[in-house]
């Protein structure tokens, strides 16, 4: 009788096989264990966003150009103007 030769070393034959795929329950457990870190990160992100929103000056810029046809068929141009400015008729 001959013995079958295996390629396993004696030390590795006693170790359990590691599972290489993650199950949904594993992901849920990881999230639950790290919930304090997730909540703290979300809180500080919202705090930073709110601080930026409240402390920075708004910077808006707009430009408009309106062409108006006069009664005699000549185009006149009105430049500038915004929602706060009133356009005077010249």
N, C-alpha and C. Protein backbone atom coordinates (compact mmCIF):
# COMPACT_ATOMS: atom_id res chain seq x y z
N UNK A 1 0.83 -1.18 0.00
CA UNK A 1 0.00 0.00 0.00
C UNK A 1 0.88 1.24 0.00
N UNK A 2 0.41 2.21 -0.74
CA UNK A 2 1.14 3.47 -0.80
C UNK A 2 0.30 4.57 -0.16
N UNK A 3 0.96 5.53 0.42
CA UNK A 3 0.27 6.66 1.06
C UNK A 3 0.11 7.78 0.04
N UNK A 4 -1.03 8.42 0.12
CA UNK A 4 -1.27 9.58 -0.75
C UNK A 4 -0.50 10.77 -0.21
N UNK A 5 0.16 11.48 -1.08
CA UNK A 5 0.94 12.64 -0.68
C UNK A 5 0.10 13.89 -0.91
N UNK A 6 0.00 14.71 0.12
CA UNK A 6 -0.74 15.98 -0.01
C UNK A 6 0.24 17.14 0.03
N UNK A 7 -0.18 18.26 -0.52
CA UNK A 7 0.68 19.44 -0.57
C UNK A 7 0.51 20.33 0.66
N UNK A 8 -0.29 19.95 1.64
CA UNK A 8 -0.50 20.78 2.81
C UNK A 8 0.61 20.55 3.82
N UNK A 9 1.03 21.60 4.42
CA UNK A 9 2.01 21.46 5.49
C UNK A 9 1.27 21.14 6.78
N UNK A 10 1.89 20.52 7.73
CA UNK A 10 1.20 20.12 8.96
C UNK A 10 0.64 21.31 9.74
N UNK A 11 1.29 22.47 9.69
CA UNK A 11 0.82 23.63 10.45
C UNK A 11 -0.45 24.21 9.84
N UNK A 12 -0.58 24.19 8.52
CA UNK A 12 -1.74 24.79 7.87
C UNK A 12 -2.95 23.88 7.88
N UNK A 13 -2.78 22.62 8.14
CA UNK A 13 -3.91 21.70 8.13
C UNK A 13 -4.81 21.90 9.35
N UNK A 14 -4.28 22.47 10.42
CA UNK A 14 -5.07 22.70 11.63
C UNK A 14 -5.81 24.03 11.62
N UNK A 15 -5.48 24.92 10.71
CA UNK A 15 -6.10 26.24 10.67
C UNK A 15 -7.45 26.18 9.97
N UNK A 16 -8.44 26.91 10.46
CA UNK A 16 -9.74 26.93 9.77
C UNK A 16 -9.65 27.71 8.47
N UNK A 17 -10.48 27.34 7.54
CA UNK A 17 -10.52 28.04 6.26
C UNK A 17 -11.18 29.40 6.46
N UNK A 18 -10.57 30.43 5.91
CA UNK A 18 -11.12 31.77 6.01
C UNK A 18 -12.14 32.00 4.90
N UNK A 19 -13.24 32.62 5.27
CA UNK A 19 -14.26 32.93 4.27
C UNK A 19 -13.85 34.22 3.57
N UNK A 20 -13.85 34.21 2.25
CA UNK A 20 -13.35 35.37 1.50
C UNK A 20 -14.45 36.31 1.05
N UNK A 21 -15.69 35.90 1.13
CA UNK A 21 -16.76 36.78 0.68
C UNK A 21 -17.49 37.37 1.88
N UNK A 22 -17.95 38.63 1.72
CA UNK A 22 -18.70 39.29 2.78
C UNK A 22 -20.19 39.08 2.55
N UNK A 23 -20.87 38.75 3.59
CA UNK A 23 -22.31 38.61 3.53
C UNK A 23 -22.94 39.94 3.96
N UNK A 24 -24.21 40.12 3.67
CA UNK A 24 -24.90 41.35 4.04
C UNK A 24 -24.90 41.54 5.55
N UNK A 25 -25.04 40.48 6.28
CA UNK A 25 -25.05 40.59 7.74
C UNK A 25 -23.70 41.06 8.26
N UNK A 26 -22.63 40.67 7.58
CA UNK A 26 -21.30 41.14 7.98
C UNK A 26 -21.17 42.64 7.79
N UNK A 27 -21.69 43.15 6.68
CA UNK A 27 -21.64 44.59 6.43
C UNK A 27 -22.47 45.35 7.44
N UNK A 28 -23.63 44.82 7.77
CA UNK A 28 -24.48 45.47 8.77
C UNK A 28 -23.78 45.49 10.13
N UNK A 29 -23.13 44.41 10.48
CA UNK A 29 -22.40 44.37 11.75
C UNK A 29 -21.26 45.37 11.78
N UNK A 30 -20.55 45.53 10.68
CA UNK A 30 -19.46 46.51 10.61
C UNK A 30 -20.01 47.91 10.79
N UNK A 31 -21.13 48.23 10.11
CA UNK A 31 -21.73 49.56 10.24
C UNK A 31 -22.22 49.81 11.66
N UNK A 32 -22.79 48.81 12.29
CA UNK A 32 -23.28 48.98 13.66
C UNK A 32 -22.13 49.17 14.65
N UNK A 33 -21.03 48.49 14.43
CA UNK A 33 -19.88 48.66 15.31
C UNK A 33 -19.26 50.04 15.16
N UNK A 34 -19.34 50.60 13.97
CA UNK A 34 -18.72 51.90 13.68
C UNK A 34 -19.73 53.05 13.65
N UNK A 35 -20.93 52.83 14.24
CA UNK A 35 -21.98 53.84 14.13
C UNK A 35 -21.59 55.16 14.78
N UNK A 36 -20.82 55.13 15.85
CA UNK A 36 -20.40 56.37 16.50
C UNK A 36 -19.47 57.18 15.58
N UNK A 37 -18.59 56.51 14.89
CA UNK A 37 -17.70 57.19 13.95
C UNK A 37 -18.48 57.78 12.77
N UNK A 38 -19.46 57.04 12.28
CA UNK A 38 -20.27 57.50 11.15
C UNK A 38 -21.10 58.72 11.56
N UNK A 39 -21.73 58.65 12.74
CA UNK A 39 -22.55 59.76 13.22
C UNK A 39 -21.68 60.99 13.48
N UNK A 40 -20.52 60.82 14.09
CA UNK A 40 -19.63 61.94 14.37
C UNK A 40 -19.14 62.59 13.07
N UNK A 41 -18.81 61.79 12.08
CA UNK A 41 -18.35 62.33 10.80
C UNK A 41 -19.46 63.13 10.11
N UNK A 42 -20.67 62.59 10.13
CA UNK A 42 -21.80 63.30 9.52
C UNK A 42 -22.07 64.61 10.27
N UNK A 43 -22.02 64.58 11.58
CA UNK A 43 -22.27 65.79 12.39
C UNK A 43 -21.23 66.87 12.09
N UNK A 44 -19.95 66.51 12.09
CA UNK A 44 -18.92 67.51 11.83
C UNK A 44 -18.96 68.01 10.39
N UNK A 45 -19.34 67.17 9.45
CA UNK A 45 -19.51 67.61 8.08
C UNK A 45 -20.64 68.62 7.94
N UNK A 46 -21.77 68.33 8.59
CA UNK A 46 -22.88 69.29 8.58
C UNK A 46 -22.52 70.58 9.30
N UNK A 47 -21.80 70.48 10.40
CA UNK A 47 -21.36 71.66 11.14
C UNK A 47 -20.42 72.52 10.29
N UNK A 48 -19.50 71.90 9.59
CA UNK A 48 -18.58 72.64 8.71
C UNK A 48 -19.34 73.30 7.56
N UNK A 49 -20.29 72.59 6.97
CA UNK A 49 -21.08 73.16 5.88
C UNK A 49 -21.93 74.32 6.33
N UNK A 50 -22.58 74.19 7.49
CA UNK A 50 -23.40 75.28 8.02
C UNK A 50 -22.55 76.49 8.38
N UNK A 51 -21.38 76.25 8.95
CA UNK A 51 -20.47 77.36 9.29
C UNK A 51 -20.03 78.10 8.03
N UNK A 52 -19.68 77.38 7.01
CA UNK A 52 -19.26 78.01 5.76
C UNK A 52 -20.42 78.82 5.17
N UNK A 53 -21.61 78.26 5.18
CA UNK A 53 -22.78 78.93 4.63
C UNK A 53 -23.08 80.22 5.38
N UNK A 54 -22.97 80.19 6.70
CA UNK A 54 -23.32 81.35 7.50
C UNK A 54 -22.23 82.41 7.57
N UNK A 55 -20.97 82.04 7.45
CA UNK A 55 -19.88 82.98 7.65
C UNK A 55 -19.32 83.61 6.38
N UNK A 56 -19.55 83.04 5.23
CA UNK A 56 -18.99 83.61 4.01
C UNK A 56 -19.96 84.60 3.39
N UNK A 57 -19.40 85.60 2.74
CA UNK A 57 -20.20 86.60 2.04
C UNK A 57 -20.64 86.03 0.70
N UNK A 58 -21.90 86.23 0.34
CA UNK A 58 -22.33 85.74 -0.98
C UNK A 58 -21.66 86.55 -2.09
N UNK A 59 -21.33 85.89 -3.15
CA UNK A 59 -20.69 86.58 -4.28
C UNK A 59 -21.49 86.27 -5.54
N UNK A 60 -22.33 87.21 -5.92
CA UNK A 60 -23.16 87.06 -7.10
C UNK A 60 -22.73 88.08 -8.15
N UNK A 61 -22.78 87.68 -9.36
CA UNK A 61 -22.48 88.60 -10.44
C UNK A 61 -23.35 88.23 -11.63
N UNK A 62 -23.98 89.25 -12.17
CA UNK A 62 -24.78 89.00 -13.36
C UNK A 62 -24.64 90.19 -14.30
N UNK A 63 -24.84 89.93 -15.55
CA UNK A 63 -24.77 90.98 -16.57
C UNK A 63 -25.94 90.79 -17.51
N UNK A 64 -26.48 91.90 -17.95
CA UNK A 64 -27.62 91.83 -18.87
C UNK A 64 -27.44 92.85 -19.97
N UNK A 65 -27.94 92.52 -21.12
CA UNK A 65 -27.92 93.44 -22.25
C UNK A 65 -29.26 93.30 -22.95
N UNK A 66 -29.97 94.44 -23.07
CA UNK A 66 -31.30 94.44 -23.66
C UNK A 66 -31.29 95.35 -24.87
N UNK A 67 -31.76 94.83 -25.98
CA UNK A 67 -31.91 95.66 -27.18
C UNK A 67 -33.38 96.03 -27.33
N UNK A 68 -33.64 97.35 -27.46
CA UNK A 68 -35.00 97.84 -27.53
C UNK A 68 -35.20 98.50 -28.89
N UNK A 69 -36.28 98.13 -29.56
CA UNK A 69 -36.60 98.73 -30.86
C UNK A 69 -37.44 99.98 -30.61
N UNK A 70 -36.95 101.11 -31.10
CA UNK A 70 -37.71 102.36 -30.97
C UNK A 70 -38.75 102.44 -32.09
N UNK A 71 -39.63 103.43 -31.97
CA UNK A 71 -40.71 103.58 -32.96
C UNK A 71 -40.18 103.84 -34.36
N UNK A 72 -39.02 104.51 -34.50
CA UNK A 72 -38.49 104.84 -35.82
C UNK A 72 -37.64 103.72 -36.42
N UNK A 73 -37.59 102.56 -35.76
CA UNK A 73 -36.86 101.42 -36.32
C UNK A 73 -35.39 101.37 -35.93
N UNK A 74 -34.93 102.26 -35.09
CA UNK A 74 -33.53 102.29 -34.66
C UNK A 74 -33.41 101.50 -33.35
N UNK A 75 -32.40 100.66 -33.32
CA UNK A 75 -32.14 99.89 -32.10
C UNK A 75 -31.40 100.74 -31.09
N UNK A 76 -31.84 100.73 -29.88
CA UNK A 76 -31.05 101.36 -28.83
C UNK A 76 -30.71 100.28 -27.81
N UNK A 77 -29.62 100.48 -27.13
CA UNK A 77 -29.09 99.44 -26.25
C UNK A 77 -29.11 99.94 -24.82
N UNK A 78 -29.59 99.10 -23.92
CA UNK A 78 -29.58 99.40 -22.49
C UNK A 78 -28.59 98.43 -21.87
N UNK A 79 -27.59 98.96 -21.20
CA UNK A 79 -26.57 98.11 -20.58
C UNK A 79 -26.69 98.14 -19.08
N UNK A 80 -26.15 97.10 -18.49
CA UNK A 80 -26.13 97.02 -17.03
C UNK A 80 -27.51 96.65 -16.52
N UNK A 81 -27.78 97.14 -15.35
CA UNK A 81 -29.07 96.84 -14.74
C UNK A 81 -29.05 95.49 -14.05
N UNK A 82 -29.73 95.46 -12.97
CA UNK A 82 -29.91 94.22 -12.23
C UNK A 82 -31.25 94.29 -11.53
N UNK A 83 -31.56 93.33 -10.73
CA UNK A 83 -32.85 93.33 -10.05
C UNK A 83 -32.93 94.46 -9.02
N UNK A 84 -31.80 94.99 -8.58
CA UNK A 84 -31.80 96.09 -7.61
C UNK A 84 -31.71 97.45 -8.28
N UNK A 85 -31.21 97.50 -9.49
CA UNK A 85 -31.05 98.77 -10.19
C UNK A 85 -32.29 99.04 -11.02
N UNK A 86 -32.63 100.30 -11.15
CA UNK A 86 -33.72 100.66 -12.05
C UNK A 86 -33.11 101.25 -13.31
N UNK A 87 -33.71 100.96 -14.45
CA UNK A 87 -33.21 101.44 -15.72
C UNK A 87 -33.96 102.72 -16.05
N UNK A 88 -33.21 103.79 -16.28
CA UNK A 88 -33.85 105.06 -16.61
C UNK A 88 -33.96 105.17 -18.12
N UNK A 89 -35.03 105.82 -18.55
CA UNK A 89 -35.22 106.01 -19.99
C UNK A 89 -34.53 107.31 -20.39
N UNK A 90 -33.66 107.27 -21.38
CA UNK A 90 -32.95 108.47 -21.84
C UNK A 90 -33.55 108.97 -23.13
